[in-house]
C-alpha atoms as a PDB file:
ATOM      1  CA  UNK A   1      -8.205 -13.971  35.853  1.00  0.00           C
ATOM      2  CA  UNK A   2      -8.979 -10.094  35.185  1.00  0.00           C
ATOM      3  CA  UNK A   3     -10.166  -9.039  31.557  1.00  0.00           C
ATOM      4  CA  UNK A   4      -7.857  -5.999  31.102  1.00  0.00           C
ATOM      5  CA  UNK A   5      -4.181  -6.299  30.479  1.00  0.00           C
ATOM      6  CA  UNK A   6      -2.620  -4.211  33.120  1.00  0.00           C
ATOM      7  CA  UNK A   7       0.851  -4.345  31.458  1.00  0.00           C
ATOM      8  CA  UNK A   8      -1.384  -1.660  28.235  1.00  0.00           C
ATOM      9  CA  UNK A   9      -0.436   1.000  28.075  1.00  0.00           C
ATOM     10  CA  UNK A  10      -3.536   2.439  26.182  1.00  0.00           C
ATOM     11  CA  UNK A  11      -5.735   1.318  29.159  1.00  0.00           C
ATOM     12  CA  UNK A  12      -6.283   4.492  31.697  1.00  0.00           C
ATOM     13  CA  UNK A  13      -4.488   4.543  34.618  1.00  0.00           C
ATOM     14  CA  UNK A  14      -4.499   4.078  38.108  1.00  0.00           C
ATOM     15  CA  UNK A  15      -6.590   1.216  37.873  1.00  0.00           C
ATOM     16  CA  UNK A  16      -7.896  -1.940  41.111  1.00  0.00           C
ATOM     17  CA  UNK A  17      -7.162  -5.411  39.654  1.00  0.00           C
ATOM     18  CA  UNK A  18      -9.777  -7.588  41.804  1.00  0.00           C
ATOM     19  CA  UNK A  19      -9.636 -11.013  42.850  1.00  0.00           C
ATOM     20  CA  UNK A  20     -12.144 -12.727  45.273  1.00  0.00           C
ATOM     21  CA  UNK A  21     -12.375 -16.776  45.881  1.00  0.00           C
ATOM     22  CA  UNK A  22     -14.122 -18.746  47.567  1.00  0.00           C
ATOM     23  CA  UNK A  23     -13.267 -20.651  50.426  1.00  0.00           C
ATOM     24  CA  UNK A  24     -15.882 -21.484  52.320  1.00  0.00           C
ATOM     25  CA  UNK A  25     -20.285 -21.921  52.337  1.00  0.00           C
ATOM     26  CA  UNK A  26     -19.992 -17.598  53.876  1.00  0.00           C
ATOM     27  CA  UNK A  27     -16.626 -16.759  53.273  1.00  0.00           C
ATOM     28  CA  UNK A  28     -14.174 -15.285  50.518  1.00  0.00           C
ATOM     29  CA  UNK A  29     -10.544 -14.536  50.501  1.00  0.00           C
ATOM     30  CA  UNK A  30     -10.545 -10.948  48.011  1.00  0.00           C
ATOM     31  CA  UNK A  31      -7.068  -9.075  47.895  1.00  0.00           C
ATOM     32  CA  UNK A  32      -7.391  -5.448  45.417  1.00  0.00           C
ATOM     33  CA  UNK A  33      -4.127  -4.362  43.968  1.00  0.00           C
ATOM     34  CA  UNK A  34      -4.100  -1.078  42.795  1.00  0.00           C
ATOM     35  CA  UNK A  35      -2.146  -0.729  39.430  1.00  0.00           C
ATOM     36  CA  UNK A  36      -0.165   3.195  39.252  1.00  0.00           C
ATOM     37  CA  UNK A  37       1.427   2.353  35.818  1.00  0.00           C
ATOM     38  CA  UNK A  38       0.971  -0.279  32.751  1.00  0.00           C
ATOM     39  CA  UNK A  39       3.152  -2.777  34.007  1.00  0.00           C
ATOM     40  CA  UNK A  40       5.933   0.086  34.545  1.00  0.00           C
ATOM     41  CA  UNK A  41       5.634  -1.407  38.478  1.00  0.00           C
ATOM     42  CA  UNK A  42       4.546  -4.267  40.641  1.00  0.00           C
ATOM     43  CA  UNK A  43       0.833  -3.522  41.977  1.00  0.00           C
ATOM     44  CA  UNK A  44       0.393  -1.903  45.332  1.00  0.00           C
ATOM     45  CA  UNK A  45      -1.658  -4.049  47.801  1.00  0.00           C
ATOM     46  CA  UNK A  46      -4.767  -2.510  49.274  1.00  0.00           C
ATOM     47  CA  UNK A  47      -6.836  -6.229  50.550  1.00  0.00           C
ATOM     48  CA  UNK A  48      -5.393  -9.590  51.432  1.00  0.00           C
ATOM     49  CA  UNK A  49      -7.958 -10.818  53.423  1.00  0.00           C
ATOM     50  CA  UNK A  50     -10.580 -12.978  54.274  1.00  0.00           C
ATOM     51  CA  UNK A  51     -14.629 -12.224  54.831  1.00  0.00           C
ATOM     52  CA  UNK A  52     -17.091 -14.738  55.881  1.00  0.00           C
ATOM     53  CA  UNK A  53     -20.207 -12.936  54.891  1.00  0.00           C
ATOM     54  CA  UNK A  54     -22.027 -12.364  51.240  1.00  0.00           C
ATOM     55  CA  UNK A  55     -20.870 -10.975  47.905  1.00  0.00           C
ATOM     56  CA  UNK A  56     -22.938  -7.934  48.048  1.00  0.00           C
ATOM     57  CA  UNK A  57     -20.387  -7.787  51.192  1.00  0.00           C
ATOM     58  CA  UNK A  58     -17.150  -7.945  49.358  1.00  0.00           C
ATOM     59  CA  UNK A  59     -18.262  -5.248  46.401  1.00  0.00           C
ATOM     60  CA  UNK A  60     -19.071  -2.968  49.459  1.00  0.00           C
ATOM     61  CA  UNK A  61     -15.761  -2.825  51.192  1.00  0.00           C
ATOM     62  CA  UNK A  62     -14.417  -2.347  46.495  1.00  0.00           C
ATOM     63  CA  UNK A  63     -16.383  -0.263  46.407  1.00  0.00           C
ATOM     64  CA  UNK A  64     -14.890   2.183  49.912  1.00  0.00           C
ATOM     65  CA  UNK A  65     -11.255   1.507  48.692  1.00  0.00           C
ATOM     66  CA  UNK A  66     -12.697   2.338  45.174  1.00  0.00           C
ATOM     67  CA  UNK A  67     -13.958   5.842  46.638  1.00  0.00           C
ATOM     68  CA  UNK A  68     -11.330   5.863  48.484  1.00  0.00           C
ATOM     69  CA  UNK A  69      -8.234   5.830  46.123  1.00  0.00           C
ATOM     70  CA  UNK A  70     -10.830   7.666  43.672  1.00  0.00           C
ATOM     71  CA  UNK A  71     -10.457   5.304  41.075  1.00  0.00           C
ATOM     72  CA  UNK A  72     -13.324   3.480  38.996  1.00  0.00           C
ATOM     73  CA  UNK A  73     -13.379  -0.033  39.682  1.00  0.00           C
ATOM     74  CA  UNK A  74     -14.854  -1.846  35.466  1.00  0.00           C
ATOM     75  CA  UNK A  75     -15.978  -5.096  35.706  1.00  0.00           C
ATOM     76  CA  UNK A  76     -13.689  -6.744  33.723  1.00  0.00           C
ATOM     77  CA  UNK A  77     -11.412  -5.344  36.919  1.00  0.00           C
ATOM     78  CA  UNK A  78     -12.663  -8.371  38.752  1.00  0.00           C
ATOM     79  CA  UNK A  79     -11.755 -12.369  38.772  1.00  0.00           C
ATOM     80  CA  UNK A  80     -14.607 -13.892  41.283  1.00  0.00           C
ATOM     81  CA  UNK A  81     -16.161 -17.354  41.121  1.00  0.00           C
ATOM     82  CA  UNK A  82     -19.910 -17.465  39.480  1.00  0.00           C
ATOM     83  CA  UNK A  83     -21.858 -16.082  42.889  1.00  0.00           C
END
């Protein structure tokens, strides 16, 4: 689980929550949600897909989403496998 508590009103919003699960030797399932406010509403899903490639590719895709939505992503927003 990410280390951020998205119900905490002290956390600056909006925020991205990223979850990555390794599914095969060369594939990942990744999901990204956009939190607009502290736990008030369900987060908006931005991505939910399987991707063949490296974990670096996933990080690049999340960086593009972050830039597109103008939301800073910090390490506590990630839930990922040890890769």
